[in-house]
Amino acid sequence: MIFHPVLVVFLGAGLGGVVRHLVNLTIPRLLGVGFPFATLFINVTGSLLMGLIMGYFAFKDGESWTQSMRLFLTTGVLGGYTTFSTFSLDFFFLMERGDSGLALLYAAASVVFGFLGVFAGIWLVRTLT
């Protein structure tokens, strides 16, 4: 049975979000709250899972997986769990095709503009309220 891609991503993202929430509840209880261990764990494990899944699709058994199953796992589950995994995959693809300068620019821009976006959003809310 084939499902609409938006529904597949929606269901996967819900599952990934729930797992992320459970990790966010569990890790601080185990390791404390002085360092963002949960976020670090989520970003690293999400990136590892993205590599494992995409490597499997590319090198092992990609033909037997439907596009719906791929969307559910990558854009859905891992997208709900962490978008850092997609960022890491994009960086890898830029490096793999030999665009190391562009990859480093992408990484730096993502971090700098991501931070600036958070700061700008908080500043706007503080200023306007």
N, C-alpha and C. Protein backbone atom coordinates (compact mmCIF):
# COMPACT_ATOMS: atom_id res chain seq x y z
N MET A 1 0.84 -1.18 0.00
CA MET A 1 0.00 0.00 0.00
C MET A 1 0.89 1.24 0.00
N ILE A 2 0.57 2.19 -0.85
CA ILE A 2 1.34 3.43 -0.97
C ILE A 2 0.55 4.56 -0.32
N PHE A 3 1.23 5.30 0.54
CA PHE A 3 0.61 6.42 1.23
C PHE A 3 1.10 7.73 0.61
N HIS A 4 0.33 8.77 0.81
CA HIS A 4 0.73 10.09 0.34
C HIS A 4 2.03 10.49 1.05
N PRO A 5 3.00 11.04 0.32
CA PRO A 5 4.29 11.39 0.94
C PRO A 5 4.17 12.32 2.16
N VAL A 6 3.24 13.26 2.11
CA VAL A 6 3.08 14.18 3.25
C VAL A 6 2.63 13.42 4.49
N LEU A 7 1.75 12.46 4.33
CA LEU A 7 1.29 11.66 5.46
C LEU A 7 2.42 10.80 6.02
N VAL A 8 3.21 10.23 5.13
CA VAL A 8 4.35 9.40 5.55
C VAL A 8 5.35 10.22 6.37
N VAL A 9 5.69 11.42 5.89
CA VAL A 9 6.63 12.28 6.60
C VAL A 9 6.02 12.73 7.93
N PHE A 10 4.75 13.06 7.93
CA PHE A 10 4.06 13.49 9.15
C PHE A 10 4.11 12.41 10.23
N LEU A 11 3.83 11.19 9.87
CA LEU A 11 3.85 10.09 10.84
C LEU A 11 5.26 9.82 11.34
N GLY A 12 6.23 9.83 10.44
CA GLY A 12 7.61 9.62 10.85
C GLY A 12 8.12 10.74 11.75
N ALA A 13 7.79 11.98 11.42
CA ALA A 13 8.23 13.12 12.23
C ALA A 13 7.63 13.06 13.62
N GLY A 14 6.38 12.61 13.73
CA GLY A 14 5.77 12.45 15.04
C GLY A 14 6.52 11.43 15.87
N LEU A 15 6.87 10.33 15.28
CA LEU A 15 7.62 9.29 15.99
C LEU A 15 9.00 9.81 16.39
N GLY A 16 9.69 10.45 15.47
CA GLY A 16 11.01 11.01 15.77
C GLY A 16 10.94 12.06 16.87
N GLY A 17 9.91 12.89 16.85
CA GLY A 17 9.74 13.90 17.88
C GLY A 17 9.51 13.29 19.26
N VAL A 18 8.74 12.21 19.31
CA VAL A 18 8.50 11.53 20.58
C VAL A 18 9.80 10.94 21.12
N VAL A 19 10.59 10.32 20.25
CA VAL A 19 11.87 9.75 20.69
C VAL A 19 12.79 10.85 21.19
N ARG A 20 12.83 11.97 20.48
CA ARG A 20 13.65 13.10 20.92
C ARG A 20 13.21 13.57 22.30
N HIS A 21 11.92 13.68 22.51
CA HIS A 21 11.40 14.12 23.81
C HIS A 21 11.81 13.15 24.92
N LEU A 22 11.72 11.87 24.65
CA LEU A 22 12.11 10.88 25.66
C LEU A 22 13.60 10.97 25.98
N VAL A 23 14.42 11.19 24.95
CA VAL A 23 15.86 11.37 25.18
C VAL A 23 16.09 12.64 26.01
N ASN A 24 15.37 13.72 25.67
CA ASN A 24 15.50 14.97 26.42
C ASN A 24 15.08 14.83 27.88
N LEU A 25 14.21 13.90 28.17
CA LEU A 25 13.81 13.65 29.56
C LEU A 25 14.82 12.76 30.28
N THR A 26 15.38 11.80 29.56
CA THR A 26 16.22 10.77 30.19
C THR A 26 17.66 11.21 30.42
N ILE A 27 18.31 11.78 29.42
CA ILE A 27 19.73 12.12 29.50
C ILE A 27 20.04 13.09 30.65
N PRO A 28 19.27 14.17 30.82
CA PRO A 28 19.59 15.07 31.95
C PRO A 28 19.48 14.39 33.31
N ARG A 29 18.58 13.44 33.44
CA ARG A 29 18.48 12.69 34.70
C ARG A 29 19.72 11.86 34.95
N LEU A 30 20.31 11.36 33.88
CA LEU A 30 21.50 10.52 34.00
C LEU A 30 22.79 11.32 34.14
N LEU A 31 22.89 12.44 33.39
CA LEU A 31 24.15 13.17 33.30
C LEU A 31 24.11 14.60 33.84
N GLY A 32 22.95 15.05 34.26
CA GLY A 32 22.83 16.41 34.78
C GLY A 32 22.45 17.40 33.70
N VAL A 33 22.29 18.66 34.14
CA VAL A 33 21.83 19.70 33.23
C VAL A 33 22.87 20.79 32.97
N GLY A 34 24.10 20.62 33.43
CA GLY A 34 25.13 21.63 33.26
C GLY A 34 25.68 21.74 31.85
N PHE A 35 25.40 20.76 31.01
CA PHE A 35 25.88 20.73 29.63
C PHE A 35 24.78 20.10 28.79
N PRO A 36 24.57 20.56 27.55
CA PRO A 36 23.48 20.01 26.73
C PRO A 36 23.79 18.60 26.18
N PHE A 37 23.98 17.66 27.10
CA PHE A 37 24.29 16.28 26.69
C PHE A 37 23.18 15.68 25.82
N ALA A 38 21.93 15.97 26.14
CA ALA A 38 20.83 15.38 25.37
C ALA A 38 20.87 15.84 23.92
N THR A 39 21.07 17.12 23.69
CA THR A 39 21.13 17.63 22.32
C THR A 39 22.33 17.07 21.59
N LEU A 40 23.47 17.02 22.27
CA LEU A 40 24.66 16.43 21.66
C LEU A 40 24.40 14.97 21.28
N PHE A 41 23.81 14.21 22.19
CA PHE A 41 23.48 12.81 21.93
C PHE A 41 22.54 12.68 20.74
N ILE A 42 21.51 13.51 20.70
CA ILE A 42 20.54 13.48 19.61
C ILE A 42 21.21 13.79 18.28
N ASN A 43 22.03 14.84 18.25
CA ASN A 43 22.68 15.23 17.00
C ASN A 43 23.66 14.18 16.51
N VAL A 44 24.43 13.60 17.41
CA VAL A 44 25.41 12.59 17.01
C VAL A 44 24.72 11.31 16.58
N THR A 45 23.76 10.83 17.37
CA THR A 45 23.07 9.59 17.00
C THR A 45 22.22 9.78 15.76
N GLY A 46 21.61 10.94 15.61
CA GLY A 46 20.83 11.21 14.40
C GLY A 46 21.70 11.20 13.16
N SER A 47 22.90 11.79 13.27
CA SER A 47 23.83 11.79 12.14
C SER A 47 24.33 10.38 11.85
N LEU A 48 24.62 9.62 12.89
CA LEU A 48 25.05 8.23 12.69
C LEU A 48 23.95 7.42 12.00
N LEU A 49 22.72 7.58 12.47
CA LEU A 49 21.61 6.85 11.86
C LEU A 49 21.40 7.27 10.41
N MET A 50 21.53 8.58 10.11
CA MET A 50 21.38 9.04 8.73
C MET A 50 22.45 8.39 7.86
N GLY A 51 23.68 8.33 8.35
CA GLY A 51 24.75 7.69 7.59
C GLY A 51 24.49 6.21 7.37
N LEU A 52 24.04 5.53 8.42
CA LEU A 52 23.75 4.10 8.29
C LEU A 52 22.62 3.85 7.30
N ILE A 53 21.56 4.61 7.42
CA ILE A 53 20.40 4.42 6.54
C ILE A 53 20.75 4.74 5.09
N MET A 54 21.39 5.89 4.87
CA MET A 54 21.72 6.27 3.49
C MET A 54 22.78 5.34 2.90
N GLY A 55 23.73 4.92 3.73
CA GLY A 55 24.72 3.95 3.26
C GLY A 55 24.08 2.63 2.88
N TYR A 56 23.12 2.19 3.67
CA TYR A 56 22.41 0.96 3.37
C TYR A 56 21.64 1.09 2.05
N PHE A 57 20.93 2.22 1.90
CA PHE A 57 20.18 2.44 0.65
C PHE A 57 21.13 2.46 -0.55
N ALA A 58 22.27 3.10 -0.40
CA ALA A 58 23.19 3.29 -1.52
C ALA A 58 24.00 2.04 -1.86
N PHE A 59 24.41 1.28 -0.83
CA PHE A 59 25.38 0.22 -1.07
C PHE A 59 24.88 -1.20 -0.82
N LYS A 60 23.78 -1.34 -0.14
CA LYS A 60 23.34 -2.69 0.22
C LYS A 60 22.04 -3.09 -0.47
N ASP A 61 20.94 -2.46 -0.08
CA ASP A 61 19.65 -2.96 -0.51
C ASP A 61 18.66 -1.83 -0.79
N GLY A 62 19.09 -0.84 -1.52
CA GLY A 62 18.22 0.29 -1.79
C GLY A 62 17.03 0.00 -2.66
N GLU A 63 17.13 -1.00 -3.51
CA GLU A 63 16.06 -1.28 -4.47
C GLU A 63 14.78 -1.80 -3.81
N SER A 64 14.91 -2.51 -2.70
CA SER A 64 13.72 -3.10 -2.10
C SER A 64 12.96 -2.13 -1.19
N TRP A 65 13.51 -0.93 -0.98
CA TRP A 65 12.86 0.05 -0.12
C TRP A 65 12.05 1.01 -1.00
N THR A 66 10.79 1.18 -0.69
CA THR A 66 9.97 2.11 -1.44
C THR A 66 10.32 3.55 -1.06
N GLN A 67 9.93 4.47 -1.92
CA GLN A 67 10.15 5.89 -1.63
C GLN A 67 9.42 6.28 -0.34
N SER A 68 8.26 5.70 -0.09
CA SER A 68 7.52 6.00 1.15
C SER A 68 8.31 5.56 2.38
N MET A 69 8.96 4.40 2.32
CA MET A 69 9.74 3.93 3.45
C MET A 69 10.97 4.82 3.66
N ARG A 70 11.59 5.24 2.56
CA ARG A 70 12.74 6.14 2.67
C ARG A 70 12.34 7.47 3.29
N LEU A 71 11.24 8.04 2.82
CA LEU A 71 10.75 9.30 3.36
C LEU A 71 10.39 9.17 4.84
N PHE A 72 9.74 8.06 5.19
CA PHE A 72 9.35 7.84 6.58
C PHE A 72 10.58 7.86 7.49
N LEU A 73 11.64 7.14 7.10
CA LEU A 73 12.83 7.04 7.95
C LEU A 73 13.67 8.30 7.96
N THR A 74 13.96 8.88 6.79
CA THR A 74 14.92 9.98 6.73
C THR A 74 14.24 11.33 7.00
N THR A 75 13.39 11.77 6.13
CA THR A 75 12.73 13.06 6.30
C THR A 75 11.78 13.04 7.49
N GLY A 76 11.11 11.91 7.70
CA GLY A 76 10.17 11.80 8.80
C GLY A 76 10.81 11.57 10.15
N VAL A 77 11.21 10.34 10.42
CA VAL A 77 11.72 9.99 11.76
C VAL A 77 12.97 10.80 12.11
N LEU A 78 13.97 10.79 11.24
CA LEU A 78 15.19 11.54 11.56
C LEU A 78 14.97 13.04 11.51
N GLY A 79 14.08 13.50 10.64
CA GLY A 79 13.75 14.93 10.62
C GLY A 79 13.05 15.37 11.89
N GLY A 80 12.20 14.50 12.45
CA GLY A 80 11.55 14.80 13.72
C GLY A 80 12.49 14.65 14.89
N TYR A 81 13.43 13.75 14.75
CA TYR A 81 14.41 13.51 15.81
C TYR A 81 15.45 14.63 15.84
N THR A 82 16.00 14.98 14.66
CA THR A 82 16.97 16.06 14.56
C THR A 82 17.15 16.47 13.11
N THR A 83 17.17 17.77 12.86
CA THR A 83 17.51 18.21 11.50
C THR A 83 19.03 18.26 11.32
N PHE A 84 19.78 18.11 12.40
CA PHE A 84 21.23 18.12 12.31
C PHE A 84 21.72 16.96 11.45
N SER A 85 20.98 15.86 11.45
CA SER A 85 21.38 14.72 10.64
C SER A 85 21.35 15.08 9.15
N THR A 86 20.36 15.84 8.74
CA THR A 86 20.28 16.27 7.35
C THR A 86 21.39 17.26 7.03
N PHE A 87 21.65 18.18 7.94
CA PHE A 87 22.76 19.12 7.79
C PHE A 87 24.07 18.34 7.60
N SER A 88 24.28 17.33 8.43
CA SER A 88 25.51 16.53 8.34
C SER A 88 25.60 15.80 7.00
N LEU A 89 24.48 15.27 6.53
CA LEU A 89 24.45 14.57 5.25
C LEU A 89 24.75 15.53 4.10
N ASP A 90 24.15 16.73 4.13
CA ASP A 90 24.41 17.72 3.10
C ASP A 90 25.90 18.10 3.08
N PHE A 91 26.48 18.29 4.26
CA PHE A 91 27.90 18.61 4.37
C PHE A 91 28.74 17.48 3.76
N PHE A 92 28.39 16.24 4.08
CA PHE A 92 29.10 15.08 3.54
C PHE A 92 29.05 15.07 2.00
N PHE A 93 27.87 15.29 1.43
CA PHE A 93 27.74 15.26 -0.02
C PHE A 93 28.57 16.36 -0.67
N LEU A 94 28.60 17.55 -0.08
CA LEU A 94 29.44 18.62 -0.63
C LEU A 94 30.92 18.23 -0.58
N MET A 95 31.34 17.64 0.54
CA MET A 95 32.74 17.20 0.66
C MET A 95 33.05 16.08 -0.32
N GLU A 96 32.13 15.13 -0.45
CA GLU A 96 32.36 13.97 -1.31
C GLU A 96 32.51 14.38 -2.77
N ARG A 97 31.79 15.39 -3.20
CA ARG A 97 31.91 15.81 -4.60
C ARG A 97 33.06 16.78 -4.81
N GLY A 98 33.85 17.01 -3.76
CA GLY A 98 35.05 17.81 -3.88
C GLY A 98 34.87 19.30 -3.63
N ASP A 99 33.71 19.70 -3.17
CA ASP A 99 33.45 21.10 -2.88
C ASP A 99 33.71 21.42 -1.41
N SER A 100 34.96 21.21 -0.97
CA SER A 100 35.27 21.39 0.45
C SER A 100 35.09 22.84 0.89
N GLY A 101 35.44 23.79 0.04
CA GLY A 101 35.25 25.20 0.38
C GLY A 101 33.78 25.52 0.57
N LEU A 102 32.96 25.02 -0.34
CA LEU A 102 31.52 25.24 -0.24
C LEU A 102 30.95 24.53 0.99
N ALA A 103 31.46 23.34 1.29
CA ALA A 103 31.01 22.60 2.47
C ALA A 103 31.32 23.38 3.74
N LEU A 104 32.54 23.93 3.83
CA LEU A 104 32.91 24.71 5.01
C LEU A 104 32.10 26.00 5.10
N LEU A 105 31.84 26.63 3.96
CA LEU A 105 30.99 27.82 3.94
C LEU A 105 29.58 27.48 4.42
N TYR A 106 29.05 26.37 3.94
CA TYR A 106 27.72 25.90 4.35
C TYR A 106 27.67 25.66 5.86
N ALA A 107 28.68 24.98 6.39
CA ALA A 107 28.71 24.69 7.83
C ALA A 107 28.81 25.98 8.63
N ALA A 108 29.72 26.85 8.24
CA ALA A 108 29.89 28.12 8.96
C ALA A 108 28.63 28.97 8.88
N ALA A 109 28.05 29.07 7.69
CA ALA A 109 26.84 29.87 7.52
C ALA A 109 25.68 29.29 8.33
N SER A 110 25.56 27.98 8.35
CA SER A 110 24.49 27.35 9.12
C SER A 110 24.61 27.66 10.61
N VAL A 111 25.82 27.57 11.13
CA VAL A 111 26.04 27.84 12.55
C VAL A 111 25.85 29.32 12.85
N VAL A 112 26.52 30.18 12.09
CA VAL A 112 26.46 31.62 12.36
C VAL A 112 25.03 32.14 12.19
N PHE A 113 24.40 31.83 11.06
CA PHE A 113 23.06 32.35 10.83
C PHE A 113 22.02 31.68 11.72
N GLY A 114 22.26 30.44 12.10
CA GLY A 114 21.38 29.79 13.07
C GLY A 114 21.42 30.51 14.41
N PHE A 115 22.64 30.80 14.89
CA PHE A 115 22.79 31.56 16.14
C PHE A 115 22.15 32.94 16.01
N LEU A 116 22.46 33.63 14.91
CA LEU A 116 21.89 34.97 14.71
C LEU A 116 20.36 34.93 14.66
N GLY A 117 19.82 33.87 14.05
CA GLY A 117 18.36 33.73 14.01
C GLY A 117 17.76 33.61 15.40
N VAL A 118 18.39 32.81 16.25
CA VAL A 118 17.90 32.67 17.63
C VAL A 118 18.01 34.00 18.36
N PHE A 119 19.18 34.64 18.26
CA PHE A 119 19.37 35.92 18.94
C PHE A 119 18.36 36.96 18.43
N ALA A 120 18.16 37.03 17.12
CA ALA A 120 17.22 37.99 16.55
C ALA A 120 15.80 37.71 17.01
N GLY A 121 15.43 36.45 17.03
CA GLY A 121 14.08 36.10 17.48
C GLY A 121 13.84 36.49 18.93
N ILE A 122 14.80 36.19 19.79
CA ILE A 122 14.67 36.54 21.21
C ILE A 122 14.67 38.06 21.38
N TRP A 123 15.54 38.75 20.64
CA TRP A 123 15.60 40.20 20.72
C TRP A 123 14.26 40.81 20.28
N LEU A 124 13.69 40.30 19.19
CA LEU A 124 12.41 40.82 18.72
C LEU A 124 11.30 40.64 19.75
N VAL A 125 11.25 39.45 20.33
CA VAL A 125 10.21 39.20 21.33
C VAL A 125 10.40 40.11 22.55
N ARG A 126 11.63 40.24 23.01
CA ARG A 126 11.91 41.11 24.16
C ARG A 126 11.58 42.57 23.83
N THR A 127 11.89 42.98 22.62
CA THR A 127 11.67 44.38 22.22
C THR A 127 10.19 44.69 22.03
N LEU A 128 9.46 43.77 21.47
CA LEU A 128 8.07 44.02 21.12
C LEU A 128 7.08 43.68 22.23
N THR A 129 7.56 43.11 23.33
CA THR A 129 6.63 42.78 24.42
C THR A 129 6.90 43.59 25.65
